[in-house]
Amino acid sequence: MRMPEGPSRGSTKAELGEAIARAERQLALLRSAVAVRAAEGRPHQGLLVLIGSTEDRLALLKAERRRVPRKP
């Protein structure tokens, strides 16, 4: 099934807000996992890569939210 085109694809402030909240929760969990693994002396470089890409995605989501006009 094809996704609809245009503004209905996640561009509303509410949808972006939800995506931002999810990304922020993911970052918290990933950082927690890094702390646990580091304390145990286990490798955690892969998690650091995931943190970086999640931070990049979060920045894009926040920028998109700023671009979306408010509803009148």
C-alpha atoms as a PDB file:
ATOM      1  CA  MET A   1       0.000   0.000   0.000  1.00  0.00           C
ATOM      2  CA  ARG A   2       1.312   3.408  -0.925  1.00  0.00           C
ATOM      3  CA  MET A   3       1.688   6.199   1.641  1.00  0.00           C
ATOM      4  CA  PRO A   4      -0.253   9.401   0.941  1.00  0.00           C
ATOM      5  CA  GLU A   5       1.687  12.330  -0.440  1.00  0.00           C
ATOM      6  CA  GLY A   6       1.836  15.837   0.969  1.00  0.00           C
ATOM      7  CA  PRO A   7       1.310  17.383   4.367  1.00  0.00           C
ATOM      8  CA  SER A   8      -0.641  14.471   5.835  1.00  0.00           C
ATOM      9  CA  ARG A   9       2.582  12.432   6.166  1.00  0.00           C
ATOM     10  CA  GLY A  10       3.585  13.332   9.708  1.00  0.00           C
ATOM     11  CA  SER A  11       3.850  17.061   9.284  1.00  0.00           C
ATOM     12  CA  THR A  12       1.379  18.180  11.920  1.00  0.00           C
ATOM     13  CA  LYS A  13       2.720  19.713  15.102  1.00  0.00           C
ATOM     14  CA  ALA A  14       1.128  16.962  17.210  1.00  0.00           C
ATOM     15  CA  GLU A  15       2.632  14.132  15.142  1.00  0.00           C
ATOM     16  CA  LEU A  16       6.030  15.798  15.172  1.00  0.00           C
ATOM     17  CA  GLY A  17       5.742  16.353  18.915  1.00  0.00           C
ATOM     18  CA  GLU A  18       5.044  12.654  19.420  1.00  0.00           C
ATOM     19  CA  ALA A  19       7.990  11.666  17.229  1.00  0.00           C
ATOM     20  CA  ILE A  20      10.239  14.060  19.153  1.00  0.00           C
ATOM     21  CA  ALA A  21       9.101  12.605  22.471  1.00  0.00           C
ATOM     22  CA  ARG A  22       9.823   9.065  21.200  1.00  0.00           C
ATOM     23  CA  ALA A  23      13.299  10.054  20.014  1.00  0.00           C
ATOM     24  CA  GLU A  24      14.042  11.707  23.366  1.00  0.00           C
ATOM     25  CA  ARG A  25      12.956   8.532  25.203  1.00  0.00           C
ATOM     26  CA  GLN A  26      15.121   6.443  22.881  1.00  0.00           C
ATOM     27  CA  LEU A  27      18.100   8.667  23.677  1.00  0.00           C
ATOM     28  CA  ALA A  28      17.531   8.283  27.401  1.00  0.00           C
ATOM     29  CA  LEU A  29      17.357   4.502  27.085  1.00  0.00           C
ATOM     30  CA  LEU A  30      20.437   4.322  24.873  1.00  0.00           C
ATOM     31  CA  ARG A  31      22.437   6.519  27.237  1.00  0.00           C
ATOM     32  CA  SER A  32      21.364   4.359  30.147  1.00  0.00           C
ATOM     33  CA  ALA A  33      22.448   1.232  28.282  1.00  0.00           C
ATOM     34  CA  VAL A  34      25.839   2.808  27.543  1.00  0.00           C
ATOM     35  CA  ALA A  35      26.319   3.607  31.231  1.00  0.00           C
ATOM     36  CA  VAL A  36      25.473   0.037  32.255  1.00  0.00           C
ATOM     37  CA  ARG A  37      27.687  -1.536  29.618  1.00  0.00           C
ATOM     38  CA  ALA A  38      30.590   0.807  30.401  1.00  0.00           C
ATOM     39  CA  ALA A  39      30.284   0.059  34.121  1.00  0.00           C
ATOM     40  CA  GLU A  40      30.432  -3.651  33.335  1.00  0.00           C
ATOM     41  CA  GLY A  41      33.417  -3.186  31.039  1.00  0.00           C
ATOM     42  CA  ARG A  42      31.427  -4.344  28.026  1.00  0.00           C
ATOM     43  CA  PRO A  43      31.730  -2.834  24.550  1.00  0.00           C
ATOM     44  CA  HIS A  44      29.319   0.002  23.820  1.00  0.00           C
ATOM     45  CA  GLN A  45      30.642   1.678  20.659  1.00  0.00           C
ATOM     46  CA  GLY A  46      27.671   0.489  18.617  1.00  0.00           C
ATOM     47  CA  LEU A  47      25.317   2.173  21.058  1.00  0.00           C
ATOM     48  CA  LEU A  48      27.265   5.411  20.697  1.00  0.00           C
ATOM     49  CA  VAL A  49      26.659   5.241  16.942  1.00  0.00           C
ATOM     50  CA  LEU A  50      22.934   4.771  17.575  1.00  0.00           C
ATOM     51  CA  ILE A  51      22.955   7.739  19.958  1.00  0.00           C
ATOM     52  CA  GLY A  52      24.574   9.901  17.295  1.00  0.00           C
ATOM     53  CA  SER A  53      22.089   8.955  14.605  1.00  0.00           C
ATOM     54  CA  THR A  54      19.167   9.410  17.013  1.00  0.00           C
ATOM     55  CA  GLU A  55      20.452  12.869  17.960  1.00  0.00           C
ATOM     56  CA  ASP A  56      20.666  13.733  14.254  1.00  0.00           C
ATOM     57  CA  ARG A  57      17.094  12.511  13.692  1.00  0.00           C
ATOM     58  CA  LEU A  58      15.898  14.473  16.721  1.00  0.00           C
ATOM     59  CA  ALA A  59      17.486  17.658  15.379  1.00  0.00           C
ATOM     60  CA  LEU A  60      15.738  17.128  12.031  1.00  0.00           C
ATOM     61  CA  LEU A  61      12.389  16.531  13.721  1.00  0.00           C
ATOM     62  CA  LYS A  62      12.756  19.707  15.786  1.00  0.00           C
ATOM     63  CA  ALA A  63      13.688  21.705  12.694  1.00  0.00           C
ATOM     64  CA  GLU A  64      10.675  20.319  10.849  1.00  0.00           C
ATOM     65  CA  ARG A  65       8.401  21.227  13.772  1.00  0.00           C
ATOM     66  CA  ARG A  66       9.668  24.818  13.585  1.00  0.00           C
ATOM     67  CA  ARG A  67       8.861  24.913   9.846  1.00  0.00           C
ATOM     68  CA  VAL A  68       5.300  23.619  10.199  1.00  0.00           C
ATOM     69  CA  PRO A  69       2.902  26.542  10.422  1.00  0.00           C
ATOM     70  CA  ARG A  70       0.555  26.778  13.376  1.00  0.00           C
ATOM     71  CA  LYS A  71      -3.093  26.047  12.777  1.00  0.00           C
ATOM     72  CA  PRO A  72      -5.271  29.167  12.919  1.00  0.00           C
END
